[in-house]
Amino acid sequence: MIKSILYSFVLLFIFCNCQSKTETALSKENSNQNTSKDTLVYDTSIQTAHIFVALCDNKYQGIVPVPSKIGNGQDPANNLYWGAMYGIKTYFKNSKDWKLVKSSKQNDFVLERLVFKHKTQNFYLIADAYDGKEIKKATSDFLYSSSGQQKDTIQIKGKTIGIKGNAKLLSYIGHDGLMDFQLTDDFKNTDEKQRDIIVLACYSKRFFGPHLEDAKVNPLVWTSNLMAPEAYILHDALSGYLDKESNTSIQTRAATAYSKYQKCSIKAAKNLLVTGW
């Protein structure tokens, strides 16, 4: 109980202090990340969601510092957005709806990739934990994938499944780095396919929206204010998504989860977690 209270206090602290430091940065290192692979063949009968998580990082991100153990962006196992109680890895591993089928390190940018399989539906969730100091790359990879400019596949148990722009749903989770740096890249849609997105970061509609205007995306859930980007929001939104519910119903599921864990009203949660343009 004490641990849970302390954890909630940390999250409340982040919620109240999600103010960014001001800096100007160009996205030259992202200019060559446009690596669309339209010729890749994958099993289109298998639906996928690809989650881009920028690990919480006291040193390299414009956040008010959290306790060092959960604010080390190079340590996914203990990170606030990954291995902590309400991080993606821990929350989905403990879910009765999902089964972890693979874990691996990808490269110097993605410190861990998890692949979950839904227990009753033919649906996979791929979650990438980006080194906290690589938040700009995590952001641009999400945007490129959402526009269809960056595509890829992976092999799971002899099956080839689509990730990045080949996924139907894309999600970004973490600090809103666009409050700190600028991206000058063009994220215009390139293949006329519409992808669903969920962006759990402070003021994500305001800061991600301008970059996604020409990406032809369908915003299921994003935010209008400061918030705690915790895994239960995505988890419950996905439950509605898999049942082919409307955007409004998915938003309601997300808001209900947020209301429960953050001890706020449903009305307040719905005003925070918004849907559509």
Protein backbone atom coordinates (compact mmCIF):
# COMPACT_ATOMS: atom_id res chain seq x y z
CA MET A 1 0.00 0.00 0.00
CA ILE A 2 2.80 2.42 0.94
CA LYS A 3 4.62 1.57 -2.30
CA SER A 4 1.47 2.25 -4.30
CA ILE A 5 0.91 5.58 -2.55
CA LEU A 6 4.51 6.66 -3.15
CA TYR A 7 4.26 5.64 -6.80
CA SER A 8 1.05 7.62 -7.19
CA PHE A 9 2.75 10.64 -5.61
CA VAL A 10 5.56 10.44 -8.17
CA LEU A 11 3.06 10.32 -11.02
CA LEU A 12 1.13 13.26 -9.58
CA PHE A 13 4.41 15.17 -9.35
CA ILE A 14 5.11 14.52 -13.04
CA PHE A 15 1.54 15.42 -13.97
CA CYS A 16 1.78 18.77 -12.23
CA ASN A 17 5.23 19.57 -13.57
CA CYS A 18 5.16 18.41 -17.17
CA GLN A 19 6.59 21.70 -18.33
CA SER A 20 9.27 21.65 -20.94
CA LYS A 21 12.59 23.38 -21.05
CA THR A 22 12.94 25.66 -24.05
CA GLU A 23 15.45 24.88 -26.73
CA THR A 24 15.63 24.96 -30.50
CA ALA A 25 16.87 21.90 -32.35
CA LEU A 26 16.72 20.80 -35.95
CA SER A 27 16.00 17.25 -37.02
CA LYS A 28 18.92 16.62 -39.34
CA GLU A 29 19.63 13.24 -37.79
CA ASN A 30 16.10 12.17 -38.67
CA SER A 31 16.22 13.27 -42.31
CA ASN A 32 17.41 9.87 -43.46
CA GLN A 33 14.98 7.85 -41.36
CA ASN A 34 12.43 7.69 -44.17
CA THR A 35 12.88 4.01 -44.93
CA SER A 36 9.62 2.82 -46.44
CA LYS A 37 9.62 -0.81 -47.53
CA ASP A 38 6.58 -1.16 -49.75
CA THR A 39 7.87 -4.35 -51.34
CA LEU A 40 7.90 -6.29 -48.08
CA VAL A 41 5.36 -9.09 -47.97
CA TYR A 42 3.58 -9.84 -44.70
CA ASP A 43 0.48 -11.62 -43.45
CA THR A 44 -2.31 -9.05 -43.74
CA SER A 45 -4.71 -11.32 -41.85
CA ILE A 46 -2.72 -10.56 -38.69
CA GLN A 47 -3.46 -7.13 -37.25
CA THR A 48 -0.75 -5.26 -35.36
CA ALA A 49 -0.25 -2.22 -33.15
CA HIS A 50 3.20 -0.67 -32.87
CA ILE A 51 3.97 1.34 -29.73
CA PHE A 52 6.87 3.81 -29.57
CA VAL A 53 7.88 4.48 -25.97
CA ALA A 54 10.40 7.19 -25.16
CA LEU A 55 11.80 6.12 -21.80
CA CYS A 56 11.55 8.72 -19.04
CA ASP A 57 14.92 10.46 -18.70
CA ASN A 58 15.93 12.99 -16.05
CA LYS A 59 19.14 13.88 -17.86
CA TYR A 60 18.15 14.20 -21.49
CA GLN A 61 14.50 15.33 -21.44
CA GLY A 62 12.81 18.57 -20.48
CA ILE A 63 11.09 17.21 -17.39
CA VAL A 64 11.21 17.99 -13.70
CA PRO A 65 13.39 15.14 -12.36
CA VAL A 66 11.71 12.06 -10.92
CA PRO A 67 13.41 9.59 -8.55
CA SER A 68 16.62 8.42 -10.22
CA LYS A 69 15.66 4.73 -10.34
CA ILE A 70 12.64 5.33 -12.57
CA GLY A 71 14.11 8.32 -14.40
CA ASN A 72 17.12 6.58 -15.95
CA GLY A 73 16.41 6.56 -19.67
CA GLN A 74 19.07 3.93 -20.26
CA ASP A 75 17.51 1.40 -17.85
CA PRO A 76 14.23 0.10 -19.28
CA ALA A 77 13.80 -2.54 -16.55
CA ASN A 78 13.09 0.11 -13.92
CA ASN A 79 11.87 2.97 -16.07
CA LEU A 80 8.66 4.82 -15.25
CA TYR A 81 7.17 4.19 -18.69
CA TRP A 82 8.41 0.61 -19.11
CA GLY A 83 9.34 -1.58 -16.15
CA ALA A 84 7.60 0.34 -13.35
CA MET A 85 4.14 -0.56 -12.02
CA TYR A 86 2.16 1.21 -14.73
CA GLY A 87 4.79 0.98 -17.45
CA ILE A 88 4.04 -0.80 -20.73
CA LYS A 89 6.11 -3.91 -20.02
CA THR A 90 4.88 -4.59 -16.51
CA TYR A 91 1.24 -3.69 -17.07
CA PHE A 92 0.79 -5.76 -20.22
CA LYS A 93 2.74 -8.71 -18.77
CA ASN A 94 0.28 -8.73 -15.86
CA SER A 95 -2.76 -8.44 -18.11
CA LYS A 96 -5.12 -11.40 -18.45
CA ASP A 97 -5.69 -10.43 -22.10
CA TRP A 98 -2.12 -10.45 -23.42
CA LYS A 99 0.77 -12.91 -23.54
CA LEU A 100 4.42 -11.92 -23.96
CA VAL A 101 5.90 -14.02 -26.78
CA LYS A 102 9.25 -12.34 -27.40
CA SER A 103 11.69 -9.86 -25.87
CA SER A 104 14.88 -8.63 -27.52
CA LYS A 105 17.29 -5.71 -27.77
CA GLN A 106 17.21 -4.09 -31.20
CA ASN A 107 20.02 -1.54 -31.41
CA ASP A 108 21.53 1.44 -29.62
CA PHE A 109 18.27 3.36 -30.01
CA VAL A 110 15.71 0.70 -29.09
CA LEU A 111 16.91 -0.88 -25.87
CA GLU A 112 14.15 -3.49 -25.76
CA ARG A 113 11.42 -4.70 -28.07
CA LEU A 114 8.47 -6.67 -26.72
CA VAL A 115 5.99 -8.65 -28.78
CA PHE A 116 2.65 -9.48 -27.15
CA LYS A 117 -0.08 -11.68 -28.61
CA HIS A 118 -3.70 -11.17 -27.66
CA LYS A 119 -5.01 -14.33 -26.03
CA THR A 120 -8.29 -14.55 -27.95
CA GLN A 121 -7.74 -12.56 -31.14
CA ASN A 122 -5.26 -12.68 -34.02
CA PHE A 123 -3.64 -9.44 -32.96
CA TYR A 124 -0.06 -8.60 -31.99
CA LEU A 125 1.28 -5.63 -30.07
CA ILE A 126 4.90 -4.58 -30.67
CA ALA A 127 6.35 -2.17 -28.13
CA ASP A 128 9.75 -0.48 -28.53
CA ALA A 129 11.57 1.10 -25.59
CA TYR A 130 13.70 3.95 -26.95
CA ASP A 131 16.70 5.15 -24.99
CA GLY A 132 15.51 8.32 -23.26
CA LYS A 133 18.18 10.45 -24.90
CA GLU A 134 16.81 9.33 -28.29
CA ILE A 135 13.38 10.87 -27.74
CA LYS A 136 13.67 12.84 -30.98
CA LYS A 137 14.20 9.64 -32.95
CA ALA A 138 11.32 7.93 -31.15
CA THR A 139 9.09 10.86 -32.07
CA SER A 140 10.16 11.02 -35.72
CA ASP A 141 9.93 7.23 -36.14
CA PHE A 142 6.36 7.37 -34.85
CA LEU A 143 5.49 10.22 -37.21
CA TYR A 144 7.15 8.59 -40.23
CA SER A 145 5.35 5.33 -39.50
CA SER A 146 2.00 7.08 -39.03
CA SER A 147 2.34 8.67 -42.46
CA GLY A 148 3.36 5.40 -44.12
CA GLN A 149 6.84 6.63 -44.97
CA GLN A 150 8.57 4.13 -42.69
CA LYS A 151 7.55 0.47 -42.90
CA ASP A 152 8.97 -2.84 -41.79
CA THR A 153 8.17 -6.44 -40.86
CA ILE A 154 9.25 -8.97 -38.24
CA GLN A 155 9.16 -12.73 -37.98
CA ILE A 156 7.13 -14.30 -35.16
CA LYS A 157 6.80 -18.07 -34.94
CA GLY A 158 7.23 -18.51 -38.67
CA LYS A 159 4.85 -15.71 -39.55
CA THR A 160 5.73 -12.35 -41.09
CA ILE A 161 3.80 -9.50 -39.52
CA GLY A 162 3.76 -5.80 -40.34
CA ILE A 163 5.21 -3.14 -38.05
CA LYS A 164 5.79 0.61 -38.24
CA GLY A 165 3.77 1.86 -41.24
CA ASN A 166 2.59 -1.69 -41.94
CA ALA A 167 0.76 -1.71 -38.60
CA LYS A 168 -2.86 -0.62 -38.44
CA LEU A 169 -2.46 1.26 -35.16
CA LEU A 170 0.51 3.39 -34.07
CA SER A 171 1.03 4.87 -30.62
CA TYR A 172 3.55 7.18 -28.98
CA ILE A 173 3.98 7.16 -25.19
CA GLY A 174 6.22 9.38 -23.10
CA HIS A 175 7.27 12.98 -22.60
CA ASP A 176 6.13 15.35 -25.34
CA GLY A 177 9.51 16.16 -26.81
CA LEU A 178 7.93 18.48 -29.36
CA MET A 179 7.59 20.94 -26.49
CA ASP A 180 11.40 21.02 -26.39
CA PHE A 181 12.64 20.57 -29.96
CA GLN A 182 11.46 21.17 -33.50
CA LEU A 183 11.10 18.75 -36.40
CA THR A 184 11.24 20.17 -39.91
CA ASP A 185 10.62 16.88 -41.69
CA ASP A 186 7.64 16.29 -43.99
CA PHE A 187 5.28 13.62 -42.63
CA LYS A 188 2.83 13.65 -45.52
CA ASN A 189 1.02 10.41 -46.28
CA THR A 190 2.60 8.48 -49.14
CA ASP A 191 0.36 5.47 -49.74
CA GLU A 192 -3.24 6.70 -49.22
CA LYS A 193 -3.72 4.28 -46.30
CA GLN A 194 -5.29 5.61 -43.12
CA ARG A 195 -3.74 4.54 -39.84
CA ASP A 196 -5.18 4.84 -36.36
CA ILE A 197 -3.10 6.61 -33.72
CA ILE A 198 -3.00 7.03 -29.94
CA VAL A 199 -0.65 9.68 -28.55
CA LEU A 200 -0.19 9.66 -24.78
CA ALA A 201 1.94 12.69 -23.95
CA CYS A 202 1.22 16.14 -22.53
CA TYR A 203 -0.69 18.42 -24.94
CA SER A 204 -0.19 15.86 -27.72
CA LYS A 205 -3.02 17.13 -29.93
CA ARG A 206 -1.51 20.62 -29.93
CA PHE A 207 2.08 19.55 -30.61
CA PHE A 208 1.68 16.38 -32.69
CA GLY A 209 -1.35 17.60 -34.64
CA PRO A 210 0.47 20.00 -36.99
CA HIS A 211 2.90 17.24 -38.00
CA LEU A 212 0.06 14.79 -38.70
CA GLU A 213 -2.30 17.06 -40.64
CA ASP A 214 -1.24 15.57 -43.97
CA ALA A 215 -0.52 12.06 -42.69
CA LYS A 216 -4.12 10.91 -43.15
CA VAL A 217 -4.37 9.49 -39.64
CA ASN A 218 -7.39 8.73 -37.50
CA PRO A 219 -6.71 10.03 -33.95
CA LEU A 220 -8.40 7.60 -31.58
CA VAL A 221 -7.03 9.19 -28.40
CA TRP A 222 -4.69 12.10 -27.75
CA THR A 223 -4.50 14.80 -25.14
CA SER A 224 -5.47 18.40 -24.50
CA ASN A 225 -3.46 19.11 -21.36
CA LEU A 226 -0.88 17.76 -18.91
CA MET A 227 -1.20 14.06 -18.19
CA ALA A 228 0.44 10.87 -16.92
CA PRO A 229 1.07 8.57 -19.95
CA GLU A 230 0.41 5.26 -18.24
CA ALA A 231 -0.15 1.84 -19.78
CA TYR A 232 -3.70 1.23 -18.52
CA ILE A 233 -4.95 3.97 -20.88
CA LEU A 234 -3.61 2.18 -23.94
CA HIS A 235 -4.59 -1.23 -22.57
CA ASP A 236 -8.25 -0.36 -22.14
CA ALA A 237 -8.42 1.63 -25.37
CA LEU A 238 -7.13 -1.44 -27.20
CA SER A 239 -9.91 -3.55 -25.71
CA GLY A 240 -12.44 -1.36 -27.47
CA TYR A 241 -10.34 -1.18 -30.61
CA LEU A 242 -10.22 -4.97 -30.91
CA ASP A 243 -13.99 -5.07 -30.53
CA LYS A 244 -14.23 -2.61 -33.44
CA GLU A 245 -15.86 0.07 -31.32
CA SER A 246 -16.26 3.68 -32.42
CA ASN A 247 -13.72 6.39 -31.66
CA THR A 248 -16.03 7.78 -29.00
CA SER A 249 -16.38 4.40 -27.29
CA ILE A 250 -12.62 3.89 -27.34
CA GLN A 251 -12.15 7.37 -25.89
CA THR A 252 -14.62 6.52 -23.13
CA ARG A 253 -12.71 3.37 -22.24
CA ALA A 254 -9.45 5.30 -22.07
CA ALA A 255 -11.02 8.06 -19.97
CA THR A 256 -12.66 5.57 -17.62
CA ALA A 257 -9.31 3.93 -16.96
CA TYR A 258 -7.66 7.30 -16.39
CA SER A 259 -10.44 8.36 -14.04
CA LYS A 260 -10.05 5.17 -12.02
CA TYR A 261 -6.28 5.36 -11.53
CA GLN A 262 -5.91 9.13 -11.29
CA LYS A 263 -8.94 9.59 -9.03
CA CYS A 264 -10.53 12.24 -11.23
CA SER A 265 -14.03 12.54 -12.68
CA ILE A 266 -15.00 10.92 -15.96
CA LYS A 267 -15.82 14.39 -17.30
CA ALA A 268 -12.34 15.66 -16.49
CA ALA A 269 -10.74 12.56 -18.02
CA LYS A 270 -12.77 12.96 -21.22
CA ASN A 271 -11.77 16.61 -21.47
CA LEU A 272 -8.16 15.50 -21.20
CA LEU A 273 -8.23 12.39 -23.42
CA VAL A 274 -9.88 13.58 -26.61
CA THR A 275 -10.62 11.92 -29.92
CA GLY A 276 -10.63 13.08 -33.54
CA TRP A 277 -9.48 16.36 -35.00
